């Protein structure tokens, strides 16, 4: 039995939509692959690479419009404080293997490395 996650809840097209060379007809069920959000190479240079210095562009991390996360500013501040403290404590922190040797989780709900070998 396949587990239902937020990524697997269907949405339904309200009208015919041309998308990626095909048509999604009104009433068709669509599964949204949220794990691919914010990784469009037409919008983000080197889209598959984590770059904390990348300039802000419109993204879907905290939702949008009426569904925008009210905790987004706190989450951003938490991450900024935590990363700054980590790098202040370990200024030589670095990846201990070449980046292309990292193995990544393949599930849809969570993206990240299986292990993250580091040195300092």
N, C-alpha and C. Protein backbone atom coordinates (compact mmCIF):
# COMPACT_ATOMS: atom_id res chain seq x y z
N UNK A 1 0.85 -1.19 0.00
CA UNK A 1 0.00 0.00 0.00
C UNK A 1 0.88 1.24 0.00
N UNK A 2 0.59 2.15 -0.88
CA UNK A 2 1.35 3.39 -1.00
C UNK A 2 0.88 4.38 0.07
N UNK A 3 1.85 4.93 0.81
CA UNK A 3 1.50 5.92 1.84
C UNK A 3 1.10 7.23 1.17
N UNK A 4 0.08 7.86 1.69
CA UNK A 4 -0.36 9.16 1.16
C UNK A 4 0.40 10.25 1.90
N UNK A 5 1.02 11.12 1.13
CA UNK A 5 1.72 12.27 1.71
C UNK A 5 1.11 13.52 1.12
N UNK A 6 1.53 14.67 1.64
CA UNK A 6 1.02 15.93 1.10
C UNK A 6 1.36 16.06 -0.38
N UNK A 7 2.46 15.44 -0.80
CA UNK A 7 2.85 15.50 -2.21
C UNK A 7 1.96 14.65 -3.10
N UNK A 8 1.23 13.70 -2.53
CA UNK A 8 0.46 12.79 -3.38
C UNK A 8 -1.04 13.11 -3.39
N UNK A 9 -1.45 14.17 -2.74
CA UNK A 9 -2.86 14.54 -2.78
C UNK A 9 -3.16 15.19 -4.13
N UNK A 10 -4.12 14.67 -4.85
CA UNK A 10 -4.38 15.22 -6.18
C UNK A 10 -5.04 16.59 -6.14
N UNK A 11 -4.72 17.37 -7.15
CA UNK A 11 -5.42 18.63 -7.42
C UNK A 11 -6.18 18.39 -8.72
N UNK A 12 -7.20 19.15 -9.01
CA UNK A 12 -8.00 18.94 -10.22
C UNK A 12 -8.01 20.21 -11.05
N UNK A 13 -7.71 20.05 -12.32
CA UNK A 13 -7.69 21.19 -13.23
C UNK A 13 -9.10 21.76 -13.36
N UNK A 14 -9.22 23.07 -13.24
CA UNK A 14 -10.52 23.73 -13.37
C UNK A 14 -10.83 24.07 -14.83
N UNK A 15 -9.79 24.12 -15.65
CA UNK A 15 -9.97 24.42 -17.08
C UNK A 15 -8.87 23.69 -17.84
N UNK A 16 -9.03 23.58 -19.14
CA UNK A 16 -7.97 23.00 -19.96
C UNK A 16 -6.72 23.87 -19.86
N UNK A 17 -5.56 23.22 -19.71
CA UNK A 17 -4.30 23.94 -19.57
C UNK A 17 -3.26 23.28 -20.46
N UNK A 18 -2.58 24.09 -21.29
CA UNK A 18 -1.45 23.60 -22.08
C UNK A 18 -0.23 23.62 -21.18
N UNK A 19 0.43 22.47 -21.07
CA UNK A 19 1.55 22.36 -20.15
C UNK A 19 2.57 21.38 -20.70
N UNK A 20 3.79 21.83 -20.89
CA UNK A 20 4.90 20.97 -21.32
C UNK A 20 4.57 20.17 -22.57
N UNK A 21 3.95 20.81 -23.54
CA UNK A 21 3.68 20.16 -24.81
C UNK A 21 2.46 19.26 -24.82
N UNK A 22 1.69 19.27 -23.76
CA UNK A 22 0.47 18.46 -23.68
C UNK A 22 -0.65 19.27 -23.09
N UNK A 23 -1.81 18.64 -22.98
CA UNK A 23 -2.97 19.33 -22.41
C UNK A 23 -3.44 18.60 -21.16
N UNK A 24 -3.64 19.35 -20.10
CA UNK A 24 -4.31 18.84 -18.90
C UNK A 24 -5.75 19.31 -19.06
N UNK A 25 -6.66 18.35 -19.19
CA UNK A 25 -8.06 18.69 -19.43
C UNK A 25 -8.77 19.07 -18.14
N UNK A 26 -9.75 19.93 -18.23
CA UNK A 26 -10.56 20.30 -17.07
C UNK A 26 -11.07 19.02 -16.41
N UNK A 27 -10.91 18.94 -15.10
CA UNK A 27 -11.36 17.77 -14.35
C UNK A 27 -10.30 16.72 -14.15
N UNK A 28 -9.20 16.78 -14.92
CA UNK A 28 -8.11 15.81 -14.76
C UNK A 28 -7.45 15.99 -13.40
N UNK A 29 -7.08 14.87 -12.78
CA UNK A 29 -6.31 14.91 -11.54
C UNK A 29 -4.85 15.18 -11.88
N UNK A 30 -4.21 16.00 -11.06
CA UNK A 30 -2.80 16.35 -11.24
C UNK A 30 -2.11 16.13 -9.90
N UNK A 31 -0.97 15.45 -9.93
CA UNK A 31 -0.15 15.31 -8.74
C UNK A 31 0.97 16.33 -8.82
N UNK A 32 1.10 17.13 -7.79
CA UNK A 32 2.12 18.18 -7.76
C UNK A 32 3.40 17.60 -7.17
N UNK A 33 4.49 17.75 -7.87
CA UNK A 33 5.80 17.27 -7.39
C UNK A 33 6.51 18.44 -6.71
N UNK A 34 6.16 18.68 -5.44
CA UNK A 34 6.72 19.83 -4.73
C UNK A 34 8.23 19.75 -4.58
N UNK A 35 8.78 18.55 -4.60
CA UNK A 35 10.23 18.42 -4.44
C UNK A 35 11.00 19.04 -5.60
N UNK A 36 10.32 19.33 -6.70
CA UNK A 36 10.99 19.96 -7.83
C UNK A 36 10.84 21.48 -7.82
N UNK A 37 10.06 22.00 -6.90
CA UNK A 37 9.87 23.46 -6.83
C UNK A 37 11.20 24.14 -6.54
N UNK A 38 11.36 25.31 -7.08
CA UNK A 38 12.54 26.14 -6.86
C UNK A 38 13.81 25.55 -7.47
N UNK A 39 13.65 24.63 -8.41
CA UNK A 39 14.82 24.02 -9.03
C UNK A 39 14.73 24.10 -10.55
N UNK A 40 14.03 25.10 -11.04
CA UNK A 40 13.86 25.29 -12.48
C UNK A 40 15.10 25.99 -13.03
N UNK A 41 15.87 25.33 -13.89
CA UNK A 41 17.09 25.95 -14.40
C UNK A 41 16.82 27.18 -15.28
N UNK A 42 15.58 27.36 -15.71
CA UNK A 42 15.25 28.58 -16.46
C UNK A 42 15.14 29.78 -15.53
N UNK A 43 14.96 29.54 -14.23
CA UNK A 43 14.80 30.61 -13.25
C UNK A 43 16.04 30.74 -12.36
N UNK A 44 16.62 29.61 -11.97
CA UNK A 44 17.74 29.60 -11.03
C UNK A 44 18.99 29.07 -11.71
N UNK A 45 20.07 29.85 -11.70
CA UNK A 45 21.33 29.33 -12.23
C UNK A 45 21.83 28.24 -11.29
N UNK A 46 22.34 27.16 -11.86
CA UNK A 46 22.83 26.01 -11.09
C UNK A 46 21.77 25.58 -10.07
N UNK A 47 20.58 25.32 -10.58
CA UNK A 47 19.38 25.12 -9.76
C UNK A 47 19.47 23.96 -8.77
N UNK A 48 20.26 22.94 -9.07
CA UNK A 48 20.35 21.78 -8.18
C UNK A 48 21.37 21.95 -7.07
N UNK A 49 22.03 23.09 -7.02
CA UNK A 49 23.08 23.32 -6.03
C UNK A 49 22.56 24.21 -4.91
N UNK A 50 22.84 23.81 -3.67
CA UNK A 50 22.49 24.66 -2.52
C UNK A 50 23.45 25.84 -2.50
N UNK A 51 22.92 27.03 -2.61
CA UNK A 51 23.74 28.24 -2.61
C UNK A 51 23.08 29.25 -1.68
N UNK A 52 23.58 29.33 -0.45
CA UNK A 52 22.96 30.21 0.54
C UNK A 52 23.19 31.68 0.22
N UNK A 53 24.07 31.97 -0.75
CA UNK A 53 24.29 33.36 -1.13
C UNK A 53 23.47 33.75 -2.35
N UNK A 54 22.71 32.82 -2.90
CA UNK A 54 21.89 33.12 -4.09
C UNK A 54 20.93 34.24 -3.77
N UNK A 55 20.81 35.18 -4.69
CA UNK A 55 19.89 36.30 -4.50
C UNK A 55 18.45 35.81 -4.51
N UNK A 56 17.63 36.40 -3.67
CA UNK A 56 16.23 36.01 -3.56
C UNK A 56 15.52 36.14 -4.89
N UNK A 57 14.76 35.13 -5.21
CA UNK A 57 13.85 35.17 -6.35
C UNK A 57 12.55 34.57 -5.84
N UNK A 58 11.48 34.80 -6.54
CA UNK A 58 10.20 34.23 -6.12
C UNK A 58 10.36 32.71 -6.00
N UNK A 59 9.93 32.16 -4.90
CA UNK A 59 10.03 30.71 -4.71
C UNK A 59 8.83 30.22 -3.93
N UNK A 60 8.74 28.90 -3.76
CA UNK A 60 7.57 28.29 -3.12
C UNK A 60 7.87 27.70 -1.75
N UNK A 61 9.03 27.98 -1.19
CA UNK A 61 9.44 27.35 0.06
C UNK A 61 8.40 27.50 1.17
N UNK A 62 7.88 28.68 1.34
CA UNK A 62 6.93 28.93 2.43
C UNK A 62 5.50 29.15 1.93
N UNK A 63 5.19 28.61 0.77
CA UNK A 63 3.84 28.77 0.23
C UNK A 63 3.70 30.11 -0.49
N UNK A 64 2.46 30.46 -0.75
CA UNK A 64 2.22 31.69 -1.52
C UNK A 64 0.83 32.23 -1.19
N UNK A 65 0.69 33.53 -1.27
CA UNK A 65 -0.61 34.16 -1.08
C UNK A 65 -1.23 33.85 0.27
N UNK A 66 -2.50 33.50 0.27
CA UNK A 66 -3.22 33.22 1.52
C UNK A 66 -2.63 32.03 2.26
N UNK A 67 -1.87 31.20 1.57
CA UNK A 67 -1.29 30.01 2.20
C UNK A 67 0.18 30.21 2.58
N UNK A 68 0.65 31.47 2.54
CA UNK A 68 2.03 31.74 2.93
C UNK A 68 2.20 31.49 4.42
N UNK A 69 3.28 30.84 4.78
CA UNK A 69 3.54 30.46 6.17
C UNK A 69 3.79 31.71 7.03
N UNK A 70 3.01 31.87 8.10
CA UNK A 70 3.21 33.03 8.96
C UNK A 70 4.50 32.93 9.77
N UNK A 71 5.09 31.74 9.84
CA UNK A 71 6.34 31.55 10.56
C UNK A 71 7.58 31.73 9.69
N UNK A 72 7.40 32.10 8.42
CA UNK A 72 8.53 32.22 7.49
C UNK A 72 9.63 33.15 8.00
N UNK A 73 9.32 34.36 8.48
CA UNK A 73 10.40 35.23 8.96
C UNK A 73 11.17 34.61 10.13
N UNK A 74 10.48 33.93 11.03
CA UNK A 74 11.16 33.29 12.16
C UNK A 74 12.05 32.14 11.67
N UNK A 75 11.55 31.35 10.72
CA UNK A 75 12.35 30.25 10.18
C UNK A 75 13.61 30.77 9.50
N UNK A 76 13.48 31.85 8.74
CA UNK A 76 14.65 32.44 8.07
C UNK A 76 15.66 32.96 9.10
N UNK A 77 15.16 33.62 10.14
CA UNK A 77 16.05 34.13 11.17
C UNK A 77 16.73 32.98 11.91
N UNK A 78 15.98 31.93 12.25
CA UNK A 78 16.57 30.76 12.92
C UNK A 78 17.71 30.17 12.10
N UNK A 79 17.48 30.01 10.81
CA UNK A 79 18.51 29.44 9.95
C UNK A 79 19.73 30.36 9.86
N UNK A 80 19.50 31.66 9.74
CA UNK A 80 20.62 32.60 9.66
C UNK A 80 21.45 32.57 10.95
N UNK A 81 20.78 32.58 12.10
CA UNK A 81 21.49 32.55 13.39
C UNK A 81 22.24 31.23 13.55
N UNK A 82 21.60 30.11 13.22
CA UNK A 82 22.23 28.81 13.40
C UNK A 82 23.45 28.65 12.48
N UNK A 83 23.32 29.02 11.21
CA UNK A 83 24.46 28.88 10.30
C UNK A 83 25.60 29.82 10.67
N UNK A 84 25.27 31.04 11.09
CA UNK A 84 26.31 31.98 11.51
C UNK A 84 27.05 31.44 12.73
N UNK A 85 26.32 30.92 13.72
CA UNK A 85 26.95 30.37 14.93
C UNK A 85 27.82 29.16 14.58
N UNK A 86 27.33 28.30 13.71
CA UNK A 86 28.09 27.11 13.30
C UNK A 86 29.40 27.52 12.62
N UNK A 87 29.32 28.46 11.69
CA UNK A 87 30.52 28.88 10.98
C UNK A 87 31.46 29.70 11.85
N UNK A 88 30.94 30.42 12.84
CA UNK A 88 31.80 31.14 13.78
C UNK A 88 32.57 30.16 14.66
N UNK A 89 31.90 29.08 15.08
CA UNK A 89 32.55 28.07 15.93
C UNK A 89 33.53 27.20 15.15
N UNK A 90 33.23 26.95 13.89
CA UNK A 90 34.06 26.09 13.05
C UNK A 90 34.38 26.80 11.73
N UNK A 91 35.26 27.80 11.76
CA UNK A 91 35.50 28.60 10.56
C UNK A 91 36.08 27.79 9.39
N UNK A 92 36.70 26.66 9.66
CA UNK A 92 37.27 25.84 8.58
C UNK A 92 36.34 24.73 8.11
N UNK A 93 35.09 24.78 8.51
CA UNK A 93 34.14 23.74 8.15
C UNK A 93 34.08 23.57 6.64
N UNK A 94 34.20 22.32 6.19
CA UNK A 94 34.17 22.07 4.75
C UNK A 94 33.66 20.66 4.47
N UNK A 95 33.23 20.45 3.27
CA UNK A 95 32.79 19.15 2.81
C UNK A 95 34.02 18.25 2.70
N UNK A 96 33.97 17.06 3.28
CA UNK A 96 35.14 16.18 3.33
C UNK A 96 35.27 15.27 2.11
N UNK A 97 34.33 15.32 1.22
CA UNK A 97 34.37 14.54 -0.02
C UNK A 97 34.01 15.47 -1.17
N UNK A 98 34.39 15.13 -2.39
CA UNK A 98 33.94 15.94 -3.52
C UNK A 98 32.41 15.96 -3.58
N UNK A 99 31.86 17.09 -3.92
CA UNK A 99 30.41 17.27 -3.93
C UNK A 99 29.70 16.22 -4.79
N UNK A 100 30.32 15.83 -5.89
CA UNK A 100 29.68 14.85 -6.78
C UNK A 100 29.64 13.44 -6.19
N UNK A 101 30.28 13.22 -5.04
CA UNK A 101 30.24 11.91 -4.39
C UNK A 101 29.10 11.80 -3.36
N UNK A 102 28.43 12.89 -3.09
CA UNK A 102 27.31 12.83 -2.15
C UNK A 102 26.18 12.00 -2.74
N UNK A 103 25.55 11.19 -1.90
CA UNK A 103 24.38 10.43 -2.32
C UNK A 103 23.16 11.08 -1.68
N UNK A 104 22.10 11.25 -2.49
CA UNK A 104 20.93 11.99 -2.06
C UNK A 104 19.74 11.09 -1.82
N UNK A 105 18.90 11.47 -0.86
CA UNK A 105 17.64 10.78 -0.62
C UNK A 105 16.80 10.89 -1.89
N UNK A 106 16.04 9.86 -2.17
CA UNK A 106 15.27 9.85 -3.41
C UNK A 106 13.78 10.03 -3.18
N UNK A 107 13.32 10.10 -1.94
CA UNK A 107 11.90 10.30 -1.66
C UNK A 107 11.42 11.67 -2.09
N UNK A 108 10.11 11.80 -2.27
CA UNK A 108 9.56 13.07 -2.72
C UNK A 108 9.41 14.09 -1.61
N UNK A 109 9.16 13.66 -0.39
CA UNK A 109 8.81 14.61 0.66
C UNK A 109 10.00 15.35 1.24
N UNK A 110 11.18 14.70 1.31
CA UNK A 110 12.33 15.31 1.95
C UNK A 110 13.54 15.22 1.02
N UNK A 111 14.21 16.31 0.79
CA UNK A 111 15.43 16.31 -0.03
C UNK A 111 16.60 16.59 0.86
N UNK A 112 17.66 15.83 0.69
CA UNK A 112 18.88 16.05 1.45
C UNK A 112 19.85 14.92 1.23
N UNK A 113 21.08 15.11 1.64
CA UNK A 113 22.05 14.04 1.48
C UNK A 113 21.79 12.90 2.48
N UNK A 114 22.13 11.68 2.09
CA UNK A 114 21.98 10.53 2.99
C UNK A 114 22.97 10.68 4.13
N UNK A 115 24.19 11.06 3.80
CA UNK A 115 25.22 11.40 4.80
C UNK A 115 25.89 12.68 4.34
N UNK A 116 26.48 13.40 5.28
CA UNK A 116 27.16 14.65 4.95
C UNK A 116 28.53 14.66 5.65
N UNK A 117 29.54 14.04 5.00
CA UNK A 117 30.87 14.01 5.60
C UNK A 117 31.49 15.42 5.62
N UNK A 118 31.89 15.86 6.80
CA UNK A 118 32.48 17.19 6.93
C UNK A 118 33.82 17.11 7.66
N UNK A 119 34.61 18.12 7.51
CA UNK A 119 35.86 18.28 8.24
C UNK A 119 35.98 19.73 8.65
N UNK A 120 36.94 20.02 9.58
CA UNK A 120 37.20 21.41 9.96
C UNK A 120 38.62 21.58 10.43
